Each structure stands twice: as structure tokens, then as C-alpha cells.
Amino acid sequence: MGTASTFGNLDPSKQAIIRNACLREFARAGYSGASTNVMCSEAGIAKGLLFYYFGSKKGLFLYLTEHCTQVLNDSFLHGLELKRETIFDRIVTLTLRKWALTDQHPLEYGFLAQQLCDCPPDVEQKIAAMKKVNVERYLQILVQNIDFSDLRPDLDPAKAIDIVLFVVEGFRARNIEKYRSNPRPLSELHYEIIIELRKYLDLCRTGLCR
């Protein structure tokens, strides 16, 4: 029986055709509604071959999750230069950089966005483990070369960062729930979210800085 590693031995152009057909279908219909028949038809392969490579629909879903995460991470980190700035500005800088990937990698971004709304419960733990690694890497980047000169002198910088991240994580969780209940074009959401995010960060700045 084949595996995802067997799939990796295919010609890269053939891999891309199969992968993109699958990404489009998952992004269109979510996990529950996605049809492997449609994927195979668009990719021009037999259904048995898809399962030969990935074992199951869930195996394919996990492979695509890992692939999309890697593609977006590599693109995010490529050429990244961290100028000295406040934690508030850094969060906006990195958020906008991540969102710029929407245009560069629409299939990968669309797949992961749809995953927020429709993800098999029995693979959520594995996906959560992938996300945990990415979050830890992101936090390391977030705190590099931060300017604390405006911070109140009675505040520990590490505690100040914790406070800001607590607010941002709550804001993020709320927006994910809003997206789940009412999915909309990402471009519209980004515009609204960045305006509201800046307001929350300004409130944090007022409380933490001189």
C-alpha cells in the first residue's frame, strides 16, 4: 500500500495537479461536503489511486493541512526582517504580513480557513499539535527586537507582553467564532478585523505605556 511519501515521489507537476484539485474541493465544500470523486475527476486520476497515496479522506486532509501550513510558514519567514518596534506595532506588522499570503497562496489559505468551520473531530487533536508548534515559533518571532522604551517603568516587559497577548488571543478567538457562524470573503474580514485590532491595541498601549 502506498503512503503520502509515495505521493512525494511523483513528478512535482503531477503532485501539484492532484493537490490543487483536492484543496479546491475541500475549500469549496468543507471536509463533510467534499467529494473525493470530484477531486479525482479534476485531477484526472482514478479514485483508488488517491486512496493508495493517502489511505483515507482523513489521511488526505491531514496531509493537506501539513502541506498548507508548511507552505504558508515558509512564505511568511522568507525575507522576514524585524525592525525595532513596539509590541503593539509588531502585532500589526506580523498580522498584515500573514494576511498578504492570502493573495500569494489562495488555495492553501482557503483550505485552512474552511478548516476552521469544518474539521473532523477525530483529527482535531493532531491538527492542534501542528498549530501549537507554529504558535511557539510565532511567539519567538513576535518578541524579537521589541522596543520597550515607552513602557511604564513599574511594569515587567514580559508581563506586559503576556497582557497584550491575552487580549489579542481573546480577540482572535472571538473572530474565529464569528467567522464560523457567518463565513464571508477573507478580504472583507481582514479589513474589519485590522481596524478593530488596532483599537484594542491602542487600549492596551494606553494602560501599559507612559
N, C-alpha and C. Protein backbone atom coordinates (compact mmCIF):
# COMPACT_ATOMS: atom_id res chain seq x y z
N MET A 1 0.85 -1.20 0.00
CA MET A 1 0.00 0.00 0.00
C MET A 1 0.87 1.24 0.00
N GLY A 2 0.46 2.26 -0.76
CA GLY A 2 1.24 3.48 -0.84
C GLY A 2 1.05 4.36 0.38
N THR A 3 1.80 5.43 0.41
CA THR A 3 1.69 6.40 1.51
C THR A 3 1.88 7.79 0.93
N ALA A 4 1.73 8.81 1.80
CA ALA A 4 1.98 10.17 1.36
C ALA A 4 3.42 10.33 0.87
N SER A 5 4.33 9.52 1.42
CA SER A 5 5.71 9.58 0.95
C SER A 5 5.81 9.05 -0.48
N THR A 6 4.98 8.04 -0.81
CA THR A 6 4.92 7.55 -2.18
C THR A 6 4.42 8.66 -3.10
N PHE A 7 3.43 9.39 -2.65
CA PHE A 7 2.92 10.54 -3.40
C PHE A 7 4.04 11.53 -3.65
N GLY A 8 4.91 11.71 -2.66
CA GLY A 8 6.02 12.64 -2.79
C GLY A 8 7.04 12.24 -3.83
N ASN A 9 7.00 10.99 -4.26
CA ASN A 9 7.92 10.53 -5.30
C ASN A 9 7.41 10.83 -6.70
N LEU A 10 6.16 11.27 -6.81
CA LEU A 10 5.62 11.62 -8.12
C LEU A 10 6.32 12.86 -8.67
N ASP A 11 6.20 13.05 -9.98
CA ASP A 11 6.69 14.28 -10.60
C ASP A 11 6.03 15.48 -9.91
N PRO A 12 6.79 16.52 -9.57
CA PRO A 12 6.22 17.67 -8.84
C PRO A 12 5.00 18.29 -9.53
N SER A 13 5.00 18.33 -10.87
CA SER A 13 3.85 18.91 -11.56
C SER A 13 2.60 18.06 -11.38
N LYS A 14 2.77 16.72 -11.35
CA LYS A 14 1.64 15.83 -11.12
C LYS A 14 1.15 15.96 -9.68
N GLN A 15 2.07 16.09 -8.74
CA GLN A 15 1.69 16.31 -7.35
C GLN A 15 0.82 17.57 -7.24
N ALA A 16 1.27 18.63 -7.90
CA ALA A 16 0.56 19.91 -7.80
C ALA A 16 -0.85 19.80 -8.36
N ILE A 17 -1.02 19.08 -9.46
CA ILE A 17 -2.35 18.93 -10.07
C ILE A 17 -3.29 18.21 -9.11
N ILE A 18 -2.82 17.13 -8.53
CA ILE A 18 -3.65 16.35 -7.59
C ILE A 18 -3.94 17.17 -6.34
N ARG A 19 -2.89 17.77 -5.79
CA ARG A 19 -3.03 18.53 -4.53
C ARG A 19 -3.98 19.71 -4.72
N ASN A 20 -3.83 20.44 -5.81
CA ASN A 20 -4.66 21.62 -6.02
C ASN A 20 -6.13 21.24 -6.24
N ALA A 21 -6.37 20.12 -6.91
CA ALA A 21 -7.75 19.67 -7.09
C ALA A 21 -8.38 19.35 -5.73
N CYS A 22 -7.62 18.73 -4.88
CA CYS A 22 -8.12 18.40 -3.54
C CYS A 22 -8.33 19.65 -2.69
N LEU A 23 -7.39 20.57 -2.76
CA LEU A 23 -7.52 21.81 -1.99
C LEU A 23 -8.76 22.59 -2.42
N ARG A 24 -8.99 22.67 -3.72
CA ARG A 24 -10.16 23.41 -4.22
C ARG A 24 -11.46 22.80 -3.70
N GLU A 25 -11.53 21.48 -3.72
CA GLU A 25 -12.77 20.83 -3.30
C GLU A 25 -13.00 20.97 -1.79
N PHE A 26 -11.95 20.79 -1.00
CA PHE A 26 -12.10 20.98 0.45
C PHE A 26 -12.45 22.43 0.78
N ALA A 27 -11.83 23.39 0.09
CA ALA A 27 -12.11 24.80 0.35
C ALA A 27 -13.53 25.17 -0.08
N ARG A 28 -14.02 24.50 -1.11
CA ARG A 28 -15.37 24.78 -1.61
C ARG A 28 -16.45 24.20 -0.69
N ALA A 29 -16.26 22.95 -0.29
CA ALA A 29 -17.34 22.23 0.38
C ALA A 29 -17.06 21.87 1.83
N GLY A 30 -15.86 22.17 2.34
CA GLY A 30 -15.52 21.73 3.68
C GLY A 30 -15.24 20.25 3.71
N TYR A 31 -14.81 19.76 4.87
CA TYR A 31 -14.48 18.33 4.95
C TYR A 31 -15.71 17.46 4.72
N SER A 32 -16.81 17.79 5.37
CA SER A 32 -18.00 16.95 5.31
C SER A 32 -18.57 16.86 3.90
N GLY A 33 -18.58 17.98 3.20
CA GLY A 33 -19.21 18.01 1.88
C GLY A 33 -18.27 17.72 0.72
N ALA A 34 -16.98 17.69 0.98
CA ALA A 34 -16.01 17.49 -0.11
C ALA A 34 -16.14 16.08 -0.69
N SER A 35 -16.07 16.00 -2.00
CA SER A 35 -16.22 14.74 -2.70
C SER A 35 -14.87 14.30 -3.28
N THR A 36 -14.43 13.11 -2.89
CA THR A 36 -13.19 12.58 -3.47
C THR A 36 -13.39 12.25 -4.95
N ASN A 37 -14.64 11.99 -5.36
CA ASN A 37 -14.93 11.76 -6.77
C ASN A 37 -14.63 13.01 -7.59
N VAL A 38 -15.04 14.16 -7.06
CA VAL A 38 -14.77 15.43 -7.74
C VAL A 38 -13.27 15.69 -7.79
N MET A 39 -12.59 15.45 -6.67
CA MET A 39 -11.14 15.65 -6.63
C MET A 39 -10.44 14.83 -7.71
N CYS A 40 -10.80 13.56 -7.79
CA CYS A 40 -10.14 12.65 -8.74
C CYS A 40 -10.48 13.02 -10.17
N SER A 41 -11.74 13.42 -10.40
CA SER A 41 -12.14 13.84 -11.75
C SER A 41 -11.35 15.04 -12.21
N GLU A 42 -11.21 16.04 -11.33
CA GLU A 42 -10.47 17.25 -11.68
C GLU A 42 -8.98 16.98 -11.82
N ALA A 43 -8.47 16.04 -11.04
CA ALA A 43 -7.04 15.72 -11.08
C ALA A 43 -6.71 14.74 -12.21
N GLY A 44 -7.75 14.08 -12.75
CA GLY A 44 -7.52 13.13 -13.82
C GLY A 44 -6.90 11.83 -13.36
N ILE A 45 -7.28 11.38 -12.15
CA ILE A 45 -6.74 10.11 -11.62
C ILE A 45 -7.88 9.23 -11.15
N ALA A 46 -7.60 7.94 -11.03
CA ALA A 46 -8.59 7.01 -10.50
C ALA A 46 -8.73 7.21 -8.99
N LYS A 47 -9.95 6.99 -8.49
CA LYS A 47 -10.20 7.19 -7.06
C LYS A 47 -9.33 6.26 -6.21
N GLY A 48 -9.13 5.05 -6.72
CA GLY A 48 -8.32 4.11 -5.97
C GLY A 48 -6.89 4.59 -5.77
N LEU A 49 -6.40 5.37 -6.74
CA LEU A 49 -5.04 5.88 -6.64
C LEU A 49 -4.92 6.92 -5.53
N LEU A 50 -5.96 7.74 -5.39
CA LEU A 50 -5.94 8.74 -4.33
C LEU A 50 -5.85 8.06 -2.96
N PHE A 51 -6.63 7.01 -2.78
CA PHE A 51 -6.61 6.30 -1.50
C PHE A 51 -5.34 5.45 -1.35
N TYR A 52 -4.75 5.07 -2.47
CA TYR A 52 -3.47 4.37 -2.41
C TYR A 52 -2.41 5.28 -1.81
N TYR A 53 -2.44 6.55 -2.19
CA TYR A 53 -1.45 7.51 -1.69
C TYR A 53 -1.72 7.93 -0.25
N PHE A 54 -2.98 8.15 0.11
CA PHE A 54 -3.29 8.79 1.39
C PHE A 54 -4.09 7.93 2.35
N GLY A 55 -4.52 6.76 1.92
CA GLY A 55 -5.19 5.83 2.81
C GLY A 55 -6.67 6.09 3.01
N SER A 56 -7.02 7.34 3.22
CA SER A 56 -8.41 7.71 3.51
C SER A 56 -8.58 9.21 3.26
N LYS A 57 -9.82 9.64 3.32
CA LYS A 57 -10.12 11.07 3.19
C LYS A 57 -9.47 11.85 4.34
N LYS A 58 -9.48 11.26 5.52
CA LYS A 58 -8.86 11.93 6.68
C LYS A 58 -7.35 12.01 6.51
N GLY A 59 -6.75 10.93 5.97
CA GLY A 59 -5.32 10.96 5.72
C GLY A 59 -4.95 12.04 4.74
N LEU A 60 -5.76 12.19 3.70
CA LEU A 60 -5.56 13.26 2.72
C LEU A 60 -5.69 14.63 3.38
N PHE A 61 -6.70 14.77 4.23
CA PHE A 61 -6.96 16.04 4.91
C PHE A 61 -5.78 16.43 5.79
N LEU A 62 -5.24 15.48 6.52
CA LEU A 62 -4.09 15.75 7.38
C LEU A 62 -2.85 16.11 6.56
N TYR A 63 -2.66 15.38 5.46
CA TYR A 63 -1.52 15.70 4.58
C TYR A 63 -1.63 17.13 4.05
N LEU A 64 -2.81 17.50 3.59
CA LEU A 64 -3.00 18.84 3.04
C LEU A 64 -2.84 19.91 4.12
N THR A 65 -3.28 19.61 5.33
CA THR A 65 -3.10 20.55 6.44
C THR A 65 -1.61 20.81 6.68
N GLU A 66 -0.85 19.72 6.73
CA GLU A 66 0.59 19.86 6.94
C GLU A 66 1.26 20.59 5.78
N HIS A 67 0.84 20.26 4.57
CA HIS A 67 1.42 20.91 3.39
C HIS A 67 1.12 22.42 3.39
N CYS A 68 -0.15 22.77 3.59
CA CYS A 68 -0.53 24.19 3.56
C CYS A 68 0.17 24.97 4.66
N THR A 69 0.24 24.38 5.84
CA THR A 69 0.91 25.04 6.96
C THR A 69 2.37 25.30 6.63
N GLN A 70 3.03 24.32 6.03
CA GLN A 70 4.44 24.46 5.68
C GLN A 70 4.64 25.52 4.61
N VAL A 71 3.79 25.51 3.59
CA VAL A 71 3.89 26.49 2.50
C VAL A 71 3.73 27.91 3.05
N LEU A 72 2.72 28.12 3.87
CA LEU A 72 2.47 29.46 4.40
C LEU A 72 3.55 29.88 5.38
N ASN A 73 4.05 28.95 6.18
CA ASN A 73 5.14 29.29 7.10
C ASN A 73 6.40 29.68 6.35
N ASP A 74 6.75 28.91 5.33
CA ASP A 74 7.95 29.21 4.55
C ASP A 74 7.83 30.58 3.88
N SER A 75 6.67 30.86 3.34
CA SER A 75 6.45 32.14 2.67
C SER A 75 6.49 33.29 3.68
N PHE A 76 5.91 33.06 4.85
CA PHE A 76 5.89 34.08 5.90
C PHE A 76 7.31 34.43 6.36
N LEU A 77 8.15 33.42 6.50
CA LEU A 77 9.50 33.62 7.03
C LEU A 77 10.49 34.10 5.97
N HIS A 78 10.18 33.88 4.70
CA HIS A 78 11.12 34.23 3.64
C HIS A 78 11.34 35.74 3.57
N GLY A 79 12.57 36.15 3.77
CA GLY A 79 12.92 37.57 3.71
C GLY A 79 12.42 38.39 4.88
N LEU A 80 11.98 37.73 5.94
CA LEU A 80 11.45 38.48 7.11
C LEU A 80 12.56 39.25 7.81
N GLU A 81 12.37 40.54 7.96
CA GLU A 81 13.29 41.40 8.70
C GLU A 81 12.50 42.10 9.80
N LEU A 82 12.98 41.99 11.01
CA LEU A 82 12.26 42.55 12.15
C LEU A 82 12.91 43.85 12.60
N LYS A 83 12.33 44.96 12.17
CA LYS A 83 12.83 46.25 12.62
C LYS A 83 12.43 46.46 14.08
N ARG A 84 13.13 47.34 14.76
CA ARG A 84 12.81 47.61 16.16
C ARG A 84 11.50 48.39 16.23
N GLU A 85 10.52 47.86 16.98
CA GLU A 85 9.22 48.50 17.11
C GLU A 85 8.55 48.02 18.39
N THR A 86 7.47 48.67 18.78
CA THR A 86 6.76 48.28 19.99
C THR A 86 6.02 46.96 19.77
N ILE A 87 5.62 46.32 20.84
CA ILE A 87 4.88 45.08 20.73
C ILE A 87 3.55 45.30 20.02
N PHE A 88 2.96 46.48 20.19
CA PHE A 88 1.69 46.79 19.55
C PHE A 88 1.85 46.88 18.03
N ASP A 89 2.91 47.58 17.60
CA ASP A 89 3.17 47.69 16.17
C ASP A 89 3.62 46.36 15.57
N ARG A 90 4.35 45.57 16.36
CA ARG A 90 4.82 44.27 15.86
C ARG A 90 3.65 43.35 15.54
N ILE A 91 2.64 43.37 16.41
CA ILE A 91 1.47 42.52 16.18
C ILE A 91 0.77 42.91 14.88
N VAL A 92 0.64 44.19 14.64
CA VAL A 92 0.02 44.65 13.39
C VAL A 92 0.90 44.28 12.20
N THR A 93 2.21 44.48 12.32
CA THR A 93 3.13 44.16 11.23
C THR A 93 3.03 42.70 10.83
N LEU A 94 3.07 41.81 11.81
CA LEU A 94 3.04 40.38 11.51
C LEU A 94 1.66 39.92 11.03
N THR A 95 0.61 40.55 11.57
CA THR A 95 -0.74 40.21 11.11
C THR A 95 -0.91 40.56 9.64
N LEU A 96 -0.48 41.75 9.25
CA LEU A 96 -0.59 42.17 7.85
C LEU A 96 0.27 41.30 6.94
N ARG A 97 1.43 40.90 7.44
CA ARG A 97 2.30 40.03 6.65
C ARG A 97 1.64 38.67 6.40
N LYS A 98 1.00 38.14 7.44
CA LYS A 98 0.30 36.86 7.28
C LYS A 98 -0.86 36.99 6.29
N TRP A 99 -1.58 38.08 6.39
CA TRP A 99 -2.73 38.25 5.51
C TRP A 99 -2.32 38.46 4.05
N ALA A 100 -1.13 38.98 3.83
CA ALA A 100 -0.65 39.16 2.46
C ALA A 100 -0.51 37.82 1.75
N LEU A 101 -0.39 36.75 2.52
CA LEU A 101 -0.27 35.42 1.94
C LEU A 101 -1.57 34.96 1.30
N THR A 102 -2.68 35.62 1.61
CA THR A 102 -3.97 35.26 1.01
C THR A 102 -3.90 35.35 -0.50
N ASP A 103 -3.27 36.41 -1.01
CA ASP A 103 -3.16 36.60 -2.45
C ASP A 103 -2.08 35.72 -3.05
N GLN A 104 -1.01 35.47 -2.29
CA GLN A 104 0.09 34.67 -2.81
C GLN A 104 -0.25 33.18 -2.86
N HIS A 105 -1.03 32.72 -1.89
CA HIS A 105 -1.35 31.29 -1.78
C HIS A 105 -2.84 31.12 -1.49
N PRO A 106 -3.70 31.48 -2.44
CA PRO A 106 -5.14 31.45 -2.18
C PRO A 106 -5.70 30.06 -1.89
N LEU A 107 -5.18 29.02 -2.55
CA LEU A 107 -5.70 27.67 -2.31
C LEU A 107 -5.37 27.20 -0.90
N GLU A 108 -4.11 27.40 -0.50
CA GLU A 108 -3.69 26.96 0.83
C GLU A 108 -4.42 27.74 1.92
N TYR A 109 -4.52 29.05 1.72
CA TYR A 109 -5.19 29.89 2.72
C TYR A 109 -6.67 29.54 2.79
N GLY A 110 -7.29 29.33 1.62
CA GLY A 110 -8.71 28.99 1.59
C GLY A 110 -9.01 27.66 2.26
N PHE A 111 -8.12 26.69 2.07
CA PHE A 111 -8.28 25.39 2.71
C PHE A 111 -8.24 25.52 4.23
N LEU A 112 -7.25 26.25 4.75
CA LEU A 112 -7.12 26.38 6.20
C LEU A 112 -8.25 27.21 6.79
N ALA A 113 -8.75 28.18 6.03
CA ALA A 113 -9.87 28.98 6.52
C ALA A 113 -11.13 28.11 6.63
N GLN A 114 -11.36 27.29 5.62
CA GLN A 114 -12.53 26.40 5.65
C GLN A 114 -12.41 25.38 6.77
N GLN A 115 -11.17 25.02 7.09
CA GLN A 115 -10.93 24.05 8.16
C GLN A 115 -11.45 24.56 9.50
N LEU A 116 -11.47 25.87 9.68
CA LEU A 116 -11.99 26.45 10.91
C LEU A 116 -13.47 26.12 11.10
N CYS A 117 -14.18 25.95 9.98
CA CYS A 117 -15.62 25.72 10.03
C CYS A 117 -16.00 24.25 9.99
N ASP A 118 -15.13 23.43 9.40
CA ASP A 118 -15.50 22.03 9.20
C ASP A 118 -14.25 21.16 9.28
N CYS A 119 -14.04 20.59 10.47
CA CYS A 119 -12.86 19.75 10.70
C CYS A 119 -13.30 18.49 11.43
N PRO A 120 -12.90 17.32 10.98
CA PRO A 120 -13.31 16.07 11.66
C PRO A 120 -12.83 16.07 13.11
N PRO A 121 -13.73 15.80 14.05
CA PRO A 121 -13.34 15.82 15.47
C PRO A 121 -12.17 14.90 15.81
N ASP A 122 -12.10 13.75 15.14
CA ASP A 122 -11.05 12.79 15.49
C ASP A 122 -9.68 13.13 14.93
N VAL A 123 -9.57 14.21 14.14
CA VAL A 123 -8.24 14.65 13.69
C VAL A 123 -7.88 16.02 14.26
N GLU A 124 -8.82 16.60 15.01
CA GLU A 124 -8.57 17.94 15.58
C GLU A 124 -7.36 17.96 16.49
N GLN A 125 -7.15 16.87 17.23
CA GLN A 125 -6.02 16.81 18.17
C GLN A 125 -4.68 16.86 17.42
N LYS A 126 -4.60 16.13 16.31
CA LYS A 126 -3.38 16.15 15.51
C LYS A 126 -3.13 17.52 14.90
N ILE A 127 -4.21 18.14 14.44
CA ILE A 127 -4.08 19.46 13.86
C ILE A 127 -3.72 20.48 14.93
N ALA A 128 -4.28 20.32 16.13
CA ALA A 128 -3.95 21.22 17.24
C ALA A 128 -2.47 21.12 17.59
N ALA A 129 -1.90 19.92 17.49
CA ALA A 129 -0.47 19.74 17.77
C ALA A 129 0.37 20.48 16.73
N MET A 130 -0.04 20.44 15.46
CA MET A 130 0.66 21.20 14.42
C MET A 130 0.60 22.70 14.71
N LYS A 131 -0.59 23.15 15.10
CA LYS A 131 -0.77 24.58 15.36
C LYS A 131 0.05 25.03 16.56
N LYS A 132 0.18 24.16 17.56
CA LYS A 132 0.95 24.51 18.76
C LYS A 132 2.40 24.81 18.39
N VAL A 133 2.99 23.99 17.53
CA VAL A 133 4.37 24.22 17.09
C VAL A 133 4.48 25.57 16.38
N ASN A 134 3.50 25.88 15.54
CA ASN A 134 3.53 27.14 14.81
C ASN A 134 3.37 28.34 15.73
N VAL A 135 2.50 28.19 16.72
CA VAL A 135 2.28 29.29 17.67
C VAL A 135 3.56 29.57 18.45
N GLU A 136 4.25 28.53 18.87
CA GLU A 136 5.50 28.70 19.62
C GLU A 136 6.54 29.40 18.76
N ARG A 137 6.62 29.04 17.50
CA ARG A 137 7.56 29.69 16.58
C ARG A 137 7.18 31.15 16.37
N TYR A 138 5.88 31.40 16.24
CA TYR A 138 5.40 32.77 16.04
C TYR A 138 5.73 33.64 17.24
N LEU A 139 5.55 33.11 18.45
CA LEU A 139 5.82 33.89 19.65
C LEU A 139 7.30 34.25 19.77
N GLN A 140 8.17 33.36 19.32
CA GLN A 140 9.60 33.66 19.33
C GLN A 140 9.91 34.84 18.41
N ILE A 141 9.27 34.86 17.26
CA ILE A 141 9.45 35.97 16.31
C ILE A 141 8.86 37.25 16.87
N LEU A 142 7.70 37.11 17.49
CA LEU A 142 6.97 38.28 17.98
C LEU A 142 7.78 39.13 18.94
N VAL A 143 8.58 38.52 19.80
CA VAL A 143 9.26 39.26 20.87
C VAL A 143 10.69 39.66 20.50
N GLN A 144 11.13 39.37 19.29
CA GLN A 144 12.49 39.74 18.90
C GLN A 144 12.58 41.24 18.58
N ASN A 145 13.61 41.88 19.11
CA ASN A 145 13.91 43.27 18.79
C ASN A 145 12.73 44.22 19.10
N ILE A 146 12.11 44.02 20.26
CA ILE A 146 10.98 44.86 20.66
C ILE A 146 11.48 46.09 21.42
N ASP A 147 10.87 47.21 21.14
CA ASP A 147 11.19 48.47 21.80
C ASP A 147 10.27 48.65 23.02
N PHE A 148 10.87 48.63 24.21
CA PHE A 148 10.10 48.79 25.45
C PHE A 148 10.27 50.18 26.06
N SER A 149 10.83 51.11 25.34
CA SER A 149 11.19 52.40 25.92
C SER A 149 9.97 53.20 26.41
N ASP A 150 8.80 52.97 25.81
CA ASP A 150 7.60 53.71 26.23
C ASP A 150 6.82 53.00 27.33
N LEU A 151 7.28 51.82 27.73
CA LEU A 151 6.57 51.04 28.73
C LEU A 151 6.66 51.72 30.10
N ARG A 152 5.61 51.65 30.87
CA ARG A 152 5.64 52.18 32.23
C ARG A 152 6.78 51.55 33.01
N PRO A 153 7.56 52.33 33.75
CA PRO A 153 8.75 51.79 34.43
C PRO A 153 8.43 50.76 35.51
N ASP A 154 7.19 50.76 36.01
CA ASP A 154 6.83 49.81 37.06
C ASP A 154 6.39 48.45 36.50
N LEU A 155 6.38 48.33 35.17
CA LEU A 155 5.92 47.10 34.54
C LEU A 155 7.08 46.23 34.07
N ASP A 156 6.99 44.95 34.32
CA ASP A 156 7.93 43.97 33.78
C ASP A 156 7.57 43.76 32.31
N PRO A 157 8.52 43.94 31.37
CA PRO A 157 8.21 43.77 29.94
C PRO A 157 7.57 42.43 29.62
N ALA A 158 8.03 41.36 30.26
CA ALA A 158 7.45 40.04 29.99
C ALA A 158 5.98 40.00 30.38
N LYS A 159 5.66 40.63 31.52
CA LYS A 159 4.26 40.66 31.96
C LYS A 159 3.42 41.52 31.01
N ALA A 160 3.99 42.60 30.53
CA ALA A 160 3.28 43.46 29.59
C ALA A 160 2.95 42.70 28.31
N ILE A 161 3.91 41.91 27.84
CA ILE A 161 3.67 41.10 26.63
C ILE A 161 2.57 40.09 26.90
N ASP A 162 2.61 39.46 28.07
CA ASP A 162 1.57 38.49 28.42
C ASP A 162 0.18 39.12 28.39
N ILE A 163 0.07 40.35 28.91
CA ILE A 163 -1.22 41.04 28.94
C ILE A 163 -1.71 41.30 27.52
N VAL A 164 -0.81 41.80 26.67
CA VAL A 164 -1.19 42.11 25.29
C VAL A 164 -1.61 40.84 24.55
N LEU A 165 -0.85 39.76 24.73
CA LEU A 165 -1.17 38.51 24.05
C LEU A 165 -2.48 37.91 24.54
N PHE A 166 -2.77 38.09 25.83
CA PHE A 166 -4.04 37.62 26.38
C PHE A 166 -5.20 38.33 25.69
N VAL A 167 -5.08 39.63 25.53
CA VAL A 167 -6.13 40.42 24.86
C VAL A 167 -6.25 40.00 23.39
N VAL A 168 -5.12 39.86 22.71
CA VAL A 168 -5.13 39.51 21.28
C VAL A 168 -5.70 38.12 21.06
N GLU A 169 -5.36 37.17 21.94
CA GLU A 169 -5.88 35.81 21.79
C GLU A 169 -7.39 35.78 21.99
N GLY A 170 -7.88 36.53 22.96
CA GLY A 170 -9.32 36.62 23.15
C GLY A 170 -10.01 37.23 21.94
N PHE A 171 -9.39 38.25 21.39
CA PHE A 171 -9.91 38.91 20.19
C PHE A 171 -9.93 37.93 19.01
N ARG A 172 -8.85 37.17 18.87
CA ARG A 172 -8.75 36.20 17.79
C ARG A 172 -9.81 35.10 17.92
N ALA A 173 -9.98 34.57 19.13
CA ALA A 173 -10.95 33.50 19.35
C ALA A 173 -12.37 33.98 19.03
N ARG A 174 -12.66 35.20 19.41
CA ARG A 174 -13.99 35.74 19.13
C ARG A 174 -14.23 35.87 17.63
N ASN A 175 -13.22 36.30 16.90
CA ASN A 175 -13.37 36.46 15.45
C ASN A 175 -13.47 35.12 14.73
N ILE A 176 -12.81 34.10 15.26
CA ILE A 176 -12.95 32.77 14.67
C ILE A 176 -14.39 32.29 14.81
N GLU A 177 -14.98 32.52 15.98
CA GLU A 177 -16.37 32.11 16.20
C GLU A 177 -17.31 32.90 15.29
N LYS A 178 -17.03 34.17 15.09
CA LYS A 178 -17.86 34.98 14.19
C LYS A 178 -17.76 34.45 12.76
N TYR A 179 -16.55 34.05 12.36
CA TYR A 179 -16.36 33.51 11.01
C TYR A 179 -17.08 32.18 10.86
N ARG A 180 -17.02 31.34 11.88
CA ARG A 180 -17.71 30.05 11.82
C ARG A 180 -19.22 30.22 11.67
N SER A 181 -19.77 31.21 12.36
CA SER A 181 -21.22 31.41 12.31
C SER A 181 -21.65 32.14 11.04
N ASN A 182 -20.73 32.87 10.42
CA ASN A 182 -21.08 33.64 9.22
C ASN A 182 -19.85 33.81 8.32
N PRO A 183 -19.45 32.74 7.61
CA PRO A 183 -18.27 32.84 6.73
C PRO A 183 -18.48 33.89 5.65
N ARG A 184 -17.46 34.70 5.44
CA ARG A 184 -17.50 35.77 4.43
C ARG A 184 -16.16 35.82 3.72
N PRO A 185 -16.08 36.56 2.60
CA PRO A 185 -14.79 36.68 1.91
C PRO A 185 -13.70 37.19 2.87
N LEU A 186 -12.54 36.57 2.81
CA LEU A 186 -11.46 36.91 3.75
C LEU A 186 -11.05 38.37 3.63
N SER A 187 -11.10 38.91 2.41
CA SER A 187 -10.69 40.31 2.23
C SER A 187 -11.57 41.25 3.04
N GLU A 188 -12.87 40.96 3.10
CA GLU A 188 -13.79 41.79 3.89
C GLU A 188 -13.47 41.65 5.38
N LEU A 189 -13.26 40.45 5.81
CA LEU A 189 -12.98 40.21 7.22
C LEU A 189 -11.68 40.88 7.65
N HIS A 190 -10.66 40.78 6.82
CA HIS A 190 -9.37 41.38 7.16
C HIS A 190 -9.49 42.88 7.38
N TYR A 191 -10.23 43.54 6.52
CA TYR A 191 -10.38 44.99 6.64
C TYR A 191 -11.05 45.35 7.96
N GLU A 192 -12.11 44.63 8.31
CA GLU A 192 -12.82 44.92 9.56
C GLU A 192 -11.97 44.56 10.78
N ILE A 193 -11.30 43.43 10.70
CA ILE A 193 -10.54 42.94 11.85
C ILE A 193 -9.38 43.85 12.18
N ILE A 194 -8.66 44.34 11.16
CA ILE A 194 -7.47 45.14 11.44
C ILE A 194 -7.87 46.47 12.09
N ILE A 195 -9.01 47.02 11.71
CA ILE A 195 -9.48 48.27 12.32
C ILE A 195 -9.77 48.03 13.80
N GLU A 196 -10.50 46.93 14.09
CA GLU A 196 -10.85 46.63 15.48
C GLU A 196 -9.62 46.23 16.29
N LEU A 197 -8.70 45.49 15.66
CA LEU A 197 -7.47 45.08 16.35
C LEU A 197 -6.67 46.30 16.79
N ARG A 198 -6.55 47.27 15.92
CA ARG A 198 -5.80 48.50 16.27
C ARG A 198 -6.44 49.20 17.47
N LYS A 199 -7.76 49.17 17.55
CA LYS A 199 -8.44 49.82 18.67
C LYS A 199 -8.11 49.10 19.99
N TYR A 200 -8.13 47.79 19.96
CA TYR A 200 -7.79 47.03 21.17
C TYR A 200 -6.33 47.25 21.56
N LEU A 201 -5.46 47.29 20.58
CA LEU A 201 -4.04 47.52 20.88
C LEU A 201 -3.81 48.92 21.42
N ASP A 202 -4.56 49.89 20.93
CA ASP A 202 -4.44 51.26 21.45
C ASP A 202 -4.88 51.32 22.90
N LEU A 203 -5.91 50.56 23.26
CA LEU A 203 -6.34 50.50 24.65
C LEU A 203 -5.26 49.88 25.53
N CYS A 204 -4.61 48.83 25.02
CA CYS A 204 -3.51 48.22 25.75
C CYS A 204 -2.36 49.20 25.91
N ARG A 205 -2.07 49.93 24.84
CA ARG A 205 -0.98 50.90 24.86
C ARG A 205 -1.24 51.97 25.93
N THR A 206 -2.50 52.43 26.00
CA THR A 206 -2.86 53.45 26.98
C THR A 206 -2.64 52.97 28.41
N GLY A 207 -2.96 51.70 28.65
CA GLY A 207 -2.83 51.18 30.01
C GLY A 207 -1.41 50.78 30.39
N LEU A 208 -0.57 50.46 29.40
CA LEU A 208 0.75 49.90 29.70
C LEU A 208 1.90 50.89 29.49
N CYS A 209 1.62 51.97 28.75
CA CYS A 209 2.72 52.88 28.40
C CYS A 209 2.59 54.21 29.13
N ARG A 210 3.70 54.94 29.15
CA ARG A 210 3.71 56.24 29.81
C ARG A 210 2.99 57.28 28.96
